[in-house]
Amino acid sequence: MDLKQAIKQTDYNARKRDLCSMVNLELVAAEERKANEQGFTIVKKRDTNKAGFVQSIKENIGILVQSRYLTNAELAFIYSLHPLIEIHSNAIVDPETGQFLTVSEIARRLNRNVKKTSTMINELINKGIIFEFVNAHELREFGRAVSERPFFMNPEIALCGDRNRINATLSRLVLVNDKFEKRKIFLSWKLWLHKGDEYGKLYRRKTYLKYKKEAQKRP
């Protein structure tokens, strides 16, 4: 199972649990009749807006700017990618089809030069802003990636979805490849995934360090 499939499977499992926990409307109707007889009214909660939107983790971005970790051009490029970030997976995709975008497709979407776009993406991968998922078997066999190379935005920088329900597979990818910590760029909000949890969460740095220390103590 590849990363995309793993992310979709996790979301499917979550939706399945949600269906199992749905309210029995017949029972609610019966209870409503009882409530009405006693002078009470049951009001249905208004549906919330389900539109996806990208949250920029502004405190973290501020630290990257202040430490001169990002150039103005890189920061502008990150913001230009926001409309292409898929909800829940944080993958960079075609908004209409949900298919991963290649470098040339991203360049076309953003009206940019392909070569300059490739250089920019590679630089952001090197800095831990964007993650690239490469098939390890292809690397061993061919010495390079020969198929689709999905790109994911680091949810510590920008996130399309709930900061308390970050996909576990993406969370592991971020934790294993944390270039900020290795380069002593100490962000205010950090991603952590507890063992056995289905979702990662963004925590304040103090809490993140506590969890990290506890994990290091485990055998």
N, C-alpha and C. Protein backbone atom coordinates (compact mmCIF):
# COMPACT_ATOMS: atom_id res chain seq x y z
N MET A 1 0.85 -1.20 0.00
CA MET A 1 0.00 0.00 0.00
C MET A 1 0.88 1.24 0.00
N ASP A 2 0.65 2.16 -0.99
CA ASP A 2 1.46 3.37 -1.03
C ASP A 2 0.88 4.43 -0.10
N LEU A 3 1.58 5.57 -0.02
CA LEU A 3 1.19 6.61 0.93
C LEU A 3 -0.20 7.13 0.66
N LYS A 4 -0.52 7.37 -0.61
CA LYS A 4 -1.85 7.90 -0.95
C LYS A 4 -2.94 6.93 -0.51
N GLN A 5 -2.73 5.62 -0.78
CA GLN A 5 -3.71 4.62 -0.41
C GLN A 5 -3.85 4.54 1.11
N ALA A 6 -2.71 4.64 1.81
CA ALA A 6 -2.74 4.58 3.27
C ALA A 6 -3.54 5.73 3.85
N ILE A 7 -3.35 6.92 3.28
CA ILE A 7 -4.09 8.09 3.75
C ILE A 7 -5.58 7.93 3.49
N LYS A 8 -5.94 7.47 2.29
CA LYS A 8 -7.35 7.29 1.96
C LYS A 8 -7.98 6.20 2.82
N GLN A 9 -7.22 5.11 3.13
CA GLN A 9 -7.74 4.04 3.97
C GLN A 9 -8.03 4.54 5.38
N THR A 10 -7.14 5.39 5.89
CA THR A 10 -7.34 5.96 7.22
C THR A 10 -8.60 6.80 7.26
N ASP A 11 -8.79 7.63 6.23
CA ASP A 11 -9.99 8.47 6.17
C ASP A 11 -11.25 7.62 6.05
N TYR A 12 -11.17 6.50 5.28
CA TYR A 12 -12.31 5.60 5.13
C TYR A 12 -12.68 4.99 6.47
N ASN A 13 -11.67 4.55 7.23
CA ASN A 13 -11.93 3.95 8.54
C ASN A 13 -12.61 4.94 9.48
N ALA A 14 -12.15 6.20 9.41
CA ALA A 14 -12.74 7.23 10.27
C ALA A 14 -14.20 7.47 9.90
N ARG A 15 -14.49 7.54 8.58
CA ARG A 15 -15.87 7.75 8.14
C ARG A 15 -16.76 6.57 8.53
N LYS A 16 -16.17 5.36 8.47
CA LYS A 16 -16.93 4.16 8.83
C LYS A 16 -17.34 4.20 10.30
N ARG A 17 -16.42 4.64 11.15
CA ARG A 17 -16.74 4.77 12.57
C ARG A 17 -17.81 5.83 12.79
N ASP A 18 -17.71 6.92 12.01
CA ASP A 18 -18.70 7.99 12.13
C ASP A 18 -20.10 7.48 11.79
N LEU A 19 -20.19 6.63 10.74
CA LEU A 19 -21.49 6.08 10.35
C LEU A 19 -22.06 5.19 11.45
N CYS A 20 -21.17 4.43 12.10
CA CYS A 20 -21.60 3.53 13.16
C CYS A 20 -22.12 4.30 14.37
N SER A 21 -21.65 5.53 14.52
CA SER A 21 -22.05 6.32 15.69
C SER A 21 -23.14 7.32 15.37
N MET A 22 -23.79 7.20 14.17
CA MET A 22 -24.84 8.14 13.79
C MET A 22 -26.03 8.05 14.73
N VAL A 23 -26.72 9.17 14.91
CA VAL A 23 -27.87 9.25 15.81
C VAL A 23 -29.05 8.49 15.22
N ASN A 24 -29.76 7.76 16.06
CA ASN A 24 -30.99 7.09 15.66
C ASN A 24 -32.10 8.14 15.62
N LEU A 25 -32.49 8.57 14.41
CA LEU A 25 -33.43 9.67 14.27
C LEU A 25 -34.83 9.30 14.76
N GLU A 26 -35.22 8.02 14.64
CA GLU A 26 -36.53 7.61 15.14
C GLU A 26 -36.59 7.76 16.65
N LEU A 27 -35.49 7.40 17.30
CA LEU A 27 -35.43 7.53 18.76
C LEU A 27 -35.47 9.00 19.16
N VAL A 28 -34.75 9.84 18.39
CA VAL A 28 -34.75 11.28 18.67
C VAL A 28 -36.16 11.85 18.54
N ALA A 29 -36.88 11.42 17.49
CA ALA A 29 -38.24 11.91 17.26
C ALA A 29 -39.15 11.54 18.43
N ALA A 30 -38.98 10.31 18.92
CA ALA A 30 -39.80 9.87 20.06
C ALA A 30 -39.49 10.71 21.30
N GLU A 31 -38.20 10.95 21.51
CA GLU A 31 -37.80 11.77 22.67
C GLU A 31 -38.29 13.20 22.51
N GLU A 32 -38.32 13.68 21.26
CA GLU A 32 -38.78 15.05 21.02
C GLU A 32 -40.26 15.18 21.39
N ARG A 33 -41.05 14.15 21.06
CA ARG A 33 -42.47 14.18 21.40
C ARG A 33 -42.65 14.25 22.92
N LYS A 34 -41.83 13.47 23.62
CA LYS A 34 -41.90 13.50 25.09
C LYS A 34 -41.51 14.88 25.61
N ALA A 35 -40.45 15.45 25.01
CA ALA A 35 -39.98 16.76 25.45
C ALA A 35 -41.05 17.82 25.21
N ASN A 36 -41.72 17.74 24.03
CA ASN A 36 -42.76 18.72 23.71
C ASN A 36 -43.91 18.66 24.71
N GLU A 37 -44.25 17.43 25.11
CA GLU A 37 -45.34 17.26 26.07
C GLU A 37 -45.01 17.91 27.41
N GLN A 38 -43.69 18.01 27.70
CA GLN A 38 -43.26 18.60 28.96
C GLN A 38 -42.84 20.06 28.80
N GLY A 39 -43.12 20.63 27.61
CA GLY A 39 -42.85 22.05 27.41
C GLY A 39 -41.45 22.38 26.93
N PHE A 40 -40.67 21.36 26.50
CA PHE A 40 -39.32 21.59 26.00
C PHE A 40 -39.28 21.45 24.48
N THR A 41 -38.24 22.02 23.89
CA THR A 41 -38.06 21.93 22.44
C THR A 41 -36.65 21.43 22.13
N ILE A 42 -36.53 20.45 21.24
CA ILE A 42 -35.23 19.96 20.77
C ILE A 42 -34.91 20.66 19.47
N VAL A 43 -33.76 21.30 19.41
CA VAL A 43 -33.36 22.06 18.23
C VAL A 43 -32.19 21.37 17.56
N LYS A 44 -32.30 21.12 16.24
CA LYS A 44 -31.21 20.51 15.48
C LYS A 44 -30.06 21.49 15.36
N LYS A 45 -28.85 20.99 15.60
CA LYS A 45 -27.66 21.82 15.46
C LYS A 45 -27.48 22.21 14.00
N ARG A 46 -27.22 23.49 13.75
CA ARG A 46 -27.04 23.99 12.39
C ARG A 46 -25.78 23.40 11.77
N ASP A 47 -25.87 22.97 10.51
CA ASP A 47 -24.71 22.43 9.82
C ASP A 47 -23.63 23.48 9.69
N THR A 48 -22.38 23.06 9.88
CA THR A 48 -21.26 23.97 9.72
C THR A 48 -20.76 23.94 8.29
N ASN A 49 -20.05 24.94 7.90
CA ASN A 49 -19.50 25.03 6.55
C ASN A 49 -18.42 23.97 6.36
N LYS A 50 -18.56 23.12 5.35
CA LYS A 50 -17.62 22.03 5.12
C LYS A 50 -16.52 22.40 4.12
N ALA A 51 -16.51 23.65 3.67
CA ALA A 51 -15.51 24.04 2.67
C ALA A 51 -14.11 23.90 3.23
N GLY A 52 -13.21 23.32 2.41
CA GLY A 52 -11.83 23.18 2.84
C GLY A 52 -11.10 24.50 2.76
N PHE A 53 -10.24 24.75 3.71
CA PHE A 53 -9.42 25.96 3.65
C PHE A 53 -8.06 25.64 4.25
N VAL A 54 -7.07 26.36 3.82
CA VAL A 54 -5.70 26.12 4.25
C VAL A 54 -5.35 27.07 5.39
N GLN A 55 -4.86 26.50 6.48
CA GLN A 55 -4.39 27.30 7.60
C GLN A 55 -2.88 27.46 7.49
N SER A 56 -2.41 28.67 7.45
CA SER A 56 -0.98 28.92 7.55
C SER A 56 -0.63 28.99 9.03
N ILE A 57 0.33 28.19 9.46
CA ILE A 57 0.72 28.21 10.87
C ILE A 57 1.63 29.42 11.05
N LYS A 58 1.01 30.57 11.30
CA LYS A 58 1.70 31.85 11.19
C LYS A 58 2.86 32.00 12.17
N GLU A 59 2.73 31.44 13.39
CA GLU A 59 3.84 31.56 14.34
C GLU A 59 5.08 30.83 13.82
N ASN A 60 4.87 29.66 13.23
CA ASN A 60 5.99 28.91 12.68
C ASN A 60 6.60 29.62 11.48
N ILE A 61 5.74 30.15 10.61
CA ILE A 61 6.24 30.88 9.45
C ILE A 61 7.02 32.11 9.89
N GLY A 62 6.53 32.77 10.94
CA GLY A 62 7.24 33.93 11.47
C GLY A 62 8.64 33.59 11.93
N ILE A 63 8.78 32.44 12.58
CA ILE A 63 10.10 32.00 13.03
C ILE A 63 11.02 31.72 11.84
N LEU A 64 10.48 31.09 10.80
CA LEU A 64 11.28 30.79 9.61
C LEU A 64 11.74 32.07 8.92
N VAL A 65 10.88 33.07 8.90
CA VAL A 65 11.24 34.35 8.28
C VAL A 65 12.28 35.08 9.12
N GLN A 66 12.06 35.14 10.43
CA GLN A 66 12.98 35.85 11.32
C GLN A 66 14.37 35.22 11.33
N SER A 67 14.41 33.90 11.20
CA SER A 67 15.70 33.21 11.19
C SER A 67 16.33 33.18 9.79
N ARG A 68 15.64 33.83 8.83
CA ARG A 68 16.11 33.88 7.44
C ARG A 68 16.25 32.49 6.82
N TYR A 69 15.40 31.60 7.30
CA TYR A 69 15.39 30.24 6.76
C TYR A 69 14.70 30.21 5.40
N LEU A 70 13.75 31.13 5.21
CA LEU A 70 13.01 31.24 3.95
C LEU A 70 13.30 32.57 3.27
N THR A 71 13.41 32.53 1.96
CA THR A 71 13.52 33.77 1.20
C THR A 71 12.11 34.29 0.91
N ASN A 72 12.02 35.53 0.50
CA ASN A 72 10.71 36.08 0.13
C ASN A 72 10.09 35.31 -1.04
N ALA A 73 10.94 34.89 -1.98
CA ALA A 73 10.46 34.14 -3.14
C ALA A 73 9.90 32.79 -2.71
N GLU A 74 10.59 32.13 -1.77
CA GLU A 74 10.12 30.83 -1.28
C GLU A 74 8.80 30.98 -0.52
N LEU A 75 8.70 32.03 0.28
CA LEU A 75 7.47 32.28 1.03
C LEU A 75 6.30 32.52 0.08
N ALA A 76 6.53 33.31 -0.96
CA ALA A 76 5.48 33.58 -1.94
C ALA A 76 5.07 32.30 -2.66
N PHE A 77 6.03 31.44 -2.96
CA PHE A 77 5.74 30.19 -3.65
C PHE A 77 4.89 29.28 -2.76
N ILE A 78 5.22 29.23 -1.47
CA ILE A 78 4.44 28.42 -0.53
C ILE A 78 2.98 28.86 -0.52
N TYR A 79 2.76 30.17 -0.46
CA TYR A 79 1.38 30.67 -0.45
C TYR A 79 0.68 30.39 -1.78
N SER A 80 1.42 30.41 -2.86
CA SER A 80 0.80 30.15 -4.17
C SER A 80 0.33 28.70 -4.30
N LEU A 81 0.90 27.80 -3.48
CA LEU A 81 0.51 26.39 -3.51
C LEU A 81 -0.76 26.11 -2.71
N HIS A 82 -1.19 27.05 -1.88
CA HIS A 82 -2.33 26.80 -1.00
C HIS A 82 -3.57 26.25 -1.71
N PRO A 83 -3.96 26.78 -2.88
CA PRO A 83 -5.16 26.26 -3.54
C PRO A 83 -5.01 24.82 -4.02
N LEU A 84 -3.79 24.31 -4.04
CA LEU A 84 -3.54 22.96 -4.56
C LEU A 84 -3.37 21.93 -3.44
N ILE A 85 -3.47 22.36 -2.19
CA ILE A 85 -3.28 21.44 -1.06
C ILE A 85 -4.60 20.72 -0.77
N GLU A 86 -4.55 19.40 -0.81
CA GLU A 86 -5.75 18.59 -0.64
C GLU A 86 -6.13 18.48 0.83
N ILE A 87 -7.43 18.58 1.11
CA ILE A 87 -7.90 18.47 2.47
C ILE A 87 -7.60 17.08 3.02
N HIS A 88 -7.18 17.03 4.27
CA HIS A 88 -6.82 15.82 5.03
C HIS A 88 -5.44 15.27 4.67
N SER A 89 -5.16 15.04 3.39
CA SER A 89 -3.88 14.43 3.02
C SER A 89 -2.74 15.43 2.99
N ASN A 90 -3.06 16.72 2.74
CA ASN A 90 -2.06 17.78 2.57
C ASN A 90 -1.18 17.56 1.34
N ALA A 91 -1.66 16.70 0.44
CA ALA A 91 -0.94 16.46 -0.81
C ALA A 91 -1.18 17.63 -1.77
N ILE A 92 -0.24 17.84 -2.68
CA ILE A 92 -0.38 18.86 -3.70
C ILE A 92 -1.01 18.19 -4.92
N VAL A 93 -2.27 18.53 -5.18
CA VAL A 93 -3.05 17.79 -6.17
C VAL A 93 -3.82 18.74 -7.09
N ASP A 94 -4.37 18.15 -8.14
CA ASP A 94 -5.31 18.85 -9.01
C ASP A 94 -6.62 18.98 -8.23
N PRO A 95 -7.11 20.19 -7.97
CA PRO A 95 -8.32 20.36 -7.17
C PRO A 95 -9.56 19.68 -7.76
N GLU A 96 -9.60 19.52 -9.08
CA GLU A 96 -10.77 18.92 -9.72
C GLU A 96 -10.74 17.39 -9.68
N THR A 97 -9.57 16.81 -9.88
CA THR A 97 -9.47 15.35 -10.00
C THR A 97 -8.90 14.67 -8.76
N GLY A 98 -8.18 15.42 -7.94
CA GLY A 98 -7.52 14.83 -6.78
C GLY A 98 -6.25 14.08 -7.12
N GLN A 99 -5.82 14.15 -8.38
CA GLN A 99 -4.60 13.47 -8.80
C GLN A 99 -3.37 14.28 -8.40
N PHE A 100 -2.30 13.55 -8.05
CA PHE A 100 -1.05 14.22 -7.73
C PHE A 100 -0.58 15.07 -8.91
N LEU A 101 0.02 16.20 -8.62
CA LEU A 101 0.56 17.06 -9.67
C LEU A 101 2.06 16.87 -9.81
N THR A 102 2.53 16.80 -11.04
CA THR A 102 3.96 16.75 -11.31
C THR A 102 4.51 18.17 -11.25
N VAL A 103 5.84 18.27 -11.32
CA VAL A 103 6.47 19.59 -11.30
C VAL A 103 5.97 20.44 -12.46
N SER A 104 5.92 19.85 -13.64
CA SER A 104 5.49 20.61 -14.82
C SER A 104 4.02 21.03 -14.70
N GLU A 105 3.19 20.18 -14.10
CA GLU A 105 1.78 20.52 -13.91
C GLU A 105 1.62 21.63 -12.89
N ILE A 106 2.43 21.59 -11.84
CA ILE A 106 2.41 22.67 -10.85
C ILE A 106 2.82 23.98 -11.50
N ALA A 107 3.87 23.93 -12.31
CA ALA A 107 4.34 25.13 -13.01
C ALA A 107 3.25 25.70 -13.90
N ARG A 108 2.55 24.82 -14.61
CA ARG A 108 1.49 25.27 -15.50
C ARG A 108 0.34 25.90 -14.71
N ARG A 109 0.00 25.28 -13.58
CA ARG A 109 -1.07 25.81 -12.73
C ARG A 109 -0.73 27.20 -12.20
N LEU A 110 0.54 27.41 -11.88
CA LEU A 110 0.96 28.67 -11.26
C LEU A 110 1.50 29.67 -12.28
N ASN A 111 1.44 29.29 -13.57
CA ASN A 111 1.96 30.17 -14.63
C ASN A 111 3.43 30.52 -14.41
N ARG A 112 4.19 29.47 -14.11
CA ARG A 112 5.61 29.66 -13.84
C ARG A 112 6.46 28.85 -14.82
N ASN A 113 7.73 29.21 -14.90
CA ASN A 113 8.69 28.46 -15.69
C ASN A 113 8.94 27.10 -15.03
N VAL A 114 8.95 26.03 -15.84
CA VAL A 114 9.10 24.68 -15.30
C VAL A 114 10.43 24.51 -14.58
N LYS A 115 11.51 24.97 -15.20
CA LYS A 115 12.83 24.80 -14.60
C LYS A 115 12.93 25.53 -13.27
N LYS A 116 12.41 26.76 -13.22
CA LYS A 116 12.46 27.53 -11.98
C LYS A 116 11.57 26.90 -10.90
N THR A 117 10.45 26.34 -11.34
CA THR A 117 9.55 25.67 -10.40
C THR A 117 10.22 24.44 -9.81
N SER A 118 10.90 23.67 -10.66
CA SER A 118 11.62 22.48 -10.20
C SER A 118 12.70 22.86 -9.18
N THR A 119 13.43 23.92 -9.47
CA THR A 119 14.48 24.38 -8.56
C THR A 119 13.89 24.80 -7.22
N MET A 120 12.77 25.52 -7.27
CA MET A 120 12.12 25.99 -6.06
C MET A 120 11.61 24.82 -5.21
N ILE A 121 10.97 23.85 -5.85
CA ILE A 121 10.44 22.70 -5.12
C ILE A 121 11.57 21.90 -4.49
N ASN A 122 12.65 21.69 -5.22
CA ASN A 122 13.79 20.95 -4.67
C ASN A 122 14.39 21.67 -3.47
N GLU A 123 14.43 22.99 -3.53
CA GLU A 123 14.96 23.76 -2.40
C GLU A 123 14.04 23.63 -1.18
N LEU A 124 12.74 23.65 -1.41
CA LEU A 124 11.80 23.51 -0.30
C LEU A 124 11.77 22.10 0.26
N ILE A 125 12.04 21.11 -0.58
CA ILE A 125 12.20 19.74 -0.09
C ILE A 125 13.42 19.66 0.81
N ASN A 126 14.51 20.26 0.37
CA ASN A 126 15.75 20.27 1.15
C ASN A 126 15.56 20.95 2.50
N LYS A 127 14.65 21.94 2.54
CA LYS A 127 14.42 22.68 3.78
C LYS A 127 13.32 22.08 4.65
N GLY A 128 12.70 20.99 4.18
CA GLY A 128 11.68 20.34 4.99
C GLY A 128 10.32 20.98 4.92
N ILE A 129 10.10 21.86 3.95
CA ILE A 129 8.80 22.51 3.79
C ILE A 129 7.86 21.62 2.99
N ILE A 130 8.40 21.01 1.96
CA ILE A 130 7.66 20.07 1.11
C ILE A 130 8.30 18.70 1.26
N PHE A 131 7.46 17.67 1.29
CA PHE A 131 7.96 16.29 1.33
C PHE A 131 7.66 15.61 0.00
N GLU A 132 8.59 14.80 -0.43
CA GLU A 132 8.44 14.04 -1.67
C GLU A 132 8.44 12.57 -1.31
N PHE A 133 7.43 11.85 -1.75
CA PHE A 133 7.35 10.42 -1.47
C PHE A 133 7.88 9.66 -2.67
N VAL A 134 9.00 8.98 -2.47
CA VAL A 134 9.65 8.24 -3.55
C VAL A 134 9.59 6.75 -3.25
N ASN A 135 9.28 5.95 -4.24
CA ASN A 135 9.22 4.50 -4.10
C ASN A 135 10.61 3.93 -3.88
N ALA A 136 10.85 3.34 -2.71
CA ALA A 136 12.17 2.82 -2.37
C ALA A 136 12.59 1.67 -3.29
N HIS A 137 11.63 0.87 -3.74
CA HIS A 137 11.95 -0.24 -4.64
C HIS A 137 12.49 0.28 -5.98
N GLU A 138 11.90 1.36 -6.47
CA GLU A 138 12.37 1.95 -7.73
C GLU A 138 13.80 2.49 -7.57
N LEU A 139 14.07 3.09 -6.43
CA LEU A 139 15.41 3.62 -6.20
C LEU A 139 16.45 2.51 -6.23
N ARG A 140 16.11 1.38 -5.61
CA ARG A 140 17.05 0.26 -5.58
C ARG A 140 17.24 -0.35 -6.97
N GLU A 141 16.14 -0.44 -7.73
CA GLU A 141 16.20 -1.09 -9.03
C GLU A 141 16.76 -0.20 -10.13
N PHE A 142 16.33 1.06 -10.14
CA PHE A 142 16.70 1.95 -11.24
C PHE A 142 17.66 3.08 -10.83
N GLY A 143 17.84 3.25 -9.53
CA GLY A 143 18.71 4.33 -9.07
C GLY A 143 18.02 5.68 -9.07
N ARG A 144 16.75 5.72 -9.43
CA ARG A 144 15.97 6.97 -9.44
C ARG A 144 14.48 6.62 -9.45
N ALA A 145 13.65 7.62 -9.17
CA ALA A 145 12.20 7.41 -9.23
C ALA A 145 11.75 7.42 -10.69
N VAL A 146 10.94 6.44 -11.07
CA VAL A 146 10.48 6.36 -12.46
C VAL A 146 8.97 6.54 -12.56
N SER A 147 8.29 6.58 -11.44
CA SER A 147 6.83 6.76 -11.46
C SER A 147 6.46 8.06 -10.74
N GLU A 148 5.20 8.19 -10.46
CA GLU A 148 4.66 9.38 -9.83
C GLU A 148 5.38 9.69 -8.51
N ARG A 149 5.73 10.96 -8.32
CA ARG A 149 6.41 11.38 -7.09
C ARG A 149 5.51 12.37 -6.36
N PRO A 150 4.66 11.89 -5.46
CA PRO A 150 3.73 12.80 -4.78
C PRO A 150 4.46 13.82 -3.91
N PHE A 151 3.92 15.03 -3.89
CA PHE A 151 4.46 16.08 -3.03
C PHE A 151 3.43 16.38 -1.93
N PHE A 152 3.93 16.61 -0.71
CA PHE A 152 3.07 16.92 0.43
C PHE A 152 3.60 18.16 1.13
N MET A 153 2.69 19.05 1.51
CA MET A 153 3.08 20.23 2.27
C MET A 153 3.23 19.84 3.74
N ASN A 154 4.29 20.31 4.37
CA ASN A 154 4.50 20.05 5.79
C ASN A 154 3.37 20.71 6.59
N PRO A 155 2.58 19.93 7.35
CA PRO A 155 1.46 20.51 8.10
C PRO A 155 1.90 21.44 9.23
N GLU A 156 3.18 21.46 9.56
CA GLU A 156 3.67 22.43 10.54
C GLU A 156 3.80 23.82 9.92
N ILE A 157 3.65 23.89 8.59
CA ILE A 157 3.75 25.16 7.87
C ILE A 157 2.39 25.59 7.33
N ALA A 158 1.70 24.68 6.68
CA ALA A 158 0.36 24.95 6.14
C ALA A 158 -0.44 23.66 6.18
N LEU A 159 -1.70 23.78 6.57
CA LEU A 159 -2.52 22.59 6.76
C LEU A 159 -3.92 22.81 6.22
N CYS A 160 -4.38 21.87 5.40
CA CYS A 160 -5.76 21.90 4.92
C CYS A 160 -6.53 20.82 5.68
N GLY A 161 -7.21 21.24 6.73
CA GLY A 161 -7.91 20.28 7.57
C GLY A 161 -7.83 20.67 9.03
N ASP A 162 -8.11 19.70 9.89
CA ASP A 162 -8.16 19.91 11.34
C ASP A 162 -6.78 19.66 11.94
N ARG A 163 -6.25 20.63 12.66
CA ARG A 163 -4.91 20.47 13.25
C ARG A 163 -4.89 19.40 14.34
N ASN A 164 -6.05 18.93 14.77
CA ASN A 164 -6.12 17.85 15.76
C ASN A 164 -6.40 16.49 15.13
N ARG A 165 -6.48 16.45 13.81
CA ARG A 165 -6.75 15.19 13.11
C ARG A 165 -5.87 15.09 11.85
N ILE A 166 -4.57 15.12 12.07
CA ILE A 166 -3.62 15.04 10.96
C ILE A 166 -3.32 13.58 10.68
N ASN A 167 -3.44 13.18 9.44
CA ASN A 167 -3.28 11.78 9.05
C ASN A 167 -2.02 11.16 9.64
N ALA A 168 -2.15 9.95 10.18
CA ALA A 168 -1.05 9.29 10.87
C ALA A 168 0.13 9.00 9.94
N THR A 169 -0.16 8.59 8.71
CA THR A 169 0.91 8.29 7.76
C THR A 169 1.71 9.54 7.43
N LEU A 170 1.02 10.64 7.20
CA LEU A 170 1.70 11.91 6.95
C LEU A 170 2.47 12.35 8.20
N SER A 171 1.89 12.14 9.37
CA SER A 171 2.56 12.52 10.62
C SER A 171 3.88 11.79 10.78
N ARG A 172 3.89 10.49 10.48
CA ARG A 172 5.14 9.72 10.59
C ARG A 172 6.18 10.23 9.60
N LEU A 173 5.73 10.58 8.40
CA LEU A 173 6.64 11.11 7.39
C LEU A 173 7.32 12.38 7.89
N VAL A 174 6.54 13.24 8.53
CA VAL A 174 7.08 14.50 9.05
C VAL A 174 8.04 14.25 10.21
N LEU A 175 7.65 13.37 11.13
CA LEU A 175 8.47 13.12 12.31
C LEU A 175 9.81 12.48 11.96
N VAL A 176 9.80 11.58 11.01
CA VAL A 176 11.04 10.90 10.62
C VAL A 176 11.97 11.84 9.86
N ASN A 177 11.41 12.82 9.17
CA ASN A 177 12.22 13.72 8.33
C ASN A 177 12.15 15.16 8.82
N ASP A 178 12.29 15.34 10.13
CA ASP A 178 12.17 16.67 10.73
C ASP A 178 13.47 17.46 10.57
N LYS A 179 13.56 18.22 9.50
CA LYS A 179 14.78 18.98 9.22
C LYS A 179 14.87 20.25 10.06
N PHE A 180 13.74 20.73 10.56
CA PHE A 180 13.78 21.93 11.40
C PHE A 180 14.54 21.65 12.69
N GLU A 181 14.20 20.57 13.36
CA GLU A 181 14.86 20.24 14.62
C GLU A 181 16.34 19.96 14.40
N LYS A 182 16.66 19.24 13.32
CA LYS A 182 18.06 18.92 13.03
C LYS A 182 18.89 20.18 12.79
N ARG A 183 18.25 21.22 12.27
CA ARG A 183 18.96 22.46 11.97
C ARG A 183 18.74 23.53 13.04
N LYS A 184 18.19 23.07 14.17
CA LYS A 184 17.98 23.96 15.33
C LYS A 184 17.06 25.14 15.01
N ILE A 185 16.06 24.86 14.17
CA ILE A 185 14.99 25.82 13.93
C ILE A 185 13.82 25.36 14.80
N PHE A 186 13.63 26.02 15.92
CA PHE A 186 12.69 25.55 16.93
C PHE A 186 11.32 26.22 16.76
N LEU A 187 10.42 25.52 16.11
CA LEU A 187 9.09 26.05 15.82
C LEU A 187 8.20 26.07 17.06
N SER A 188 7.26 27.01 17.09
CA SER A 188 6.34 27.14 18.22
C SER A 188 5.31 26.02 18.27
N TRP A 189 4.88 25.57 17.10
CA TRP A 189 3.90 24.49 16.99
C TRP A 189 4.55 23.30 16.31
N LYS A 190 4.46 22.13 16.97
CA LYS A 190 5.09 20.93 16.44
C LYS A 190 4.07 19.79 16.35
N LEU A 191 4.30 18.96 15.36
CA LEU A 191 3.44 17.80 15.14
C LEU A 191 3.91 16.63 16.00
N TRP A 192 2.95 15.94 16.61
CA TRP A 192 3.29 14.72 17.35
C TRP A 192 2.21 13.68 17.13
N LEU A 193 2.65 12.42 17.05
CA LEU A 193 1.74 11.29 16.89
C LEU A 193 2.02 10.29 18.01
N HIS A 194 1.03 10.07 18.86
CA HIS A 194 1.19 9.09 19.92
C HIS A 194 1.08 7.68 19.35
N LYS A 195 1.81 6.76 19.92
CA LYS A 195 1.80 5.38 19.47
C LYS A 195 0.38 4.81 19.52
N GLY A 196 -0.05 4.25 18.40
CA GLY A 196 -1.37 3.65 18.33
C GLY A 196 -2.48 4.60 17.94
N ASP A 197 -2.20 5.90 17.92
CA ASP A 197 -3.23 6.88 17.56
C ASP A 197 -3.45 6.90 16.05
N GLU A 198 -4.67 7.21 15.65
CA GLU A 198 -5.00 7.28 14.23
C GLU A 198 -4.64 8.63 13.63
N TYR A 199 -4.54 9.64 14.48
CA TYR A 199 -4.25 10.98 13.99
C TYR A 199 -3.13 11.62 14.81
N GLY A 200 -2.34 12.46 14.12
CA GLY A 200 -1.38 13.30 14.80
C GLY A 200 -2.03 14.63 15.12
N LYS A 201 -1.36 15.42 15.97
CA LYS A 201 -1.88 16.74 16.35
C LYS A 201 -0.74 17.74 16.40
N LEU A 202 -1.10 19.00 16.24
CA LEU A 202 -0.14 20.07 16.44
C LEU A 202 -0.20 20.51 17.90
N TYR A 203 0.97 20.53 18.54
CA TYR A 203 1.05 20.91 19.95
C TYR A 203 2.00 22.09 20.11
N ARG A 204 1.81 22.82 21.21
CA ARG A 204 2.78 23.82 21.58
C ARG A 204 4.12 23.15 21.83
N ARG A 205 5.18 23.87 21.59
CA ARG A 205 6.52 23.29 21.65
C ARG A 205 6.79 22.61 23.00
N LYS A 206 6.36 23.23 24.08
CA LYS A 206 6.61 22.67 25.41
C LYS A 206 5.99 21.28 25.54
N THR A 207 4.77 21.13 25.05
CA THR A 207 4.09 19.84 25.11
C THR A 207 4.77 18.83 24.19
N TYR A 208 5.15 19.29 23.01
CA TYR A 208 5.86 18.43 22.05
C TYR A 208 7.13 17.87 22.67
N LEU A 209 7.92 18.72 23.33
CA LEU A 209 9.17 18.28 23.95
C LEU A 209 8.92 17.27 25.06
N LYS A 210 7.82 17.46 25.78
CA LYS A 210 7.45 16.52 26.84
C LYS A 210 7.17 15.15 26.25
N TYR A 211 6.37 15.10 25.18
CA TYR A 211 6.04 13.83 24.55
C TYR A 211 7.28 13.18 23.93
N LYS A 212 8.12 13.99 23.35
CA LYS A 212 9.34 13.48 22.72
C LYS A 212 10.25 12.85 23.77
N LYS A 213 10.38 13.50 24.91
CA LYS A 213 11.22 12.99 26.00
C LYS A 213 10.67 11.67 26.53
N GLU A 214 9.35 11.61 26.68
CA GLU A 214 8.71 10.38 27.17
C GLU A 214 8.93 9.24 26.19
N ALA A 215 8.84 9.53 24.90
CA ALA A 215 9.03 8.49 23.87
C ALA A 215 10.46 7.97 23.87
N GLN A 216 11.42 8.85 24.11
CA GLN A 216 12.82 8.45 24.12
C GLN A 216 13.16 7.56 25.31
N LYS A 217 12.36 7.66 26.37
CA LYS A 217 12.60 6.84 27.57
C LYS A 217 12.08 5.43 27.41
N ARG A 218 11.14 5.25 26.48
CA ARG A 218 10.55 3.92 26.31
C ARG A 218 11.57 2.96 25.71
N PRO A 219 11.55 1.70 26.15
CA PRO A 219 12.50 0.71 25.61
C PRO A 219 12.20 0.37 24.16
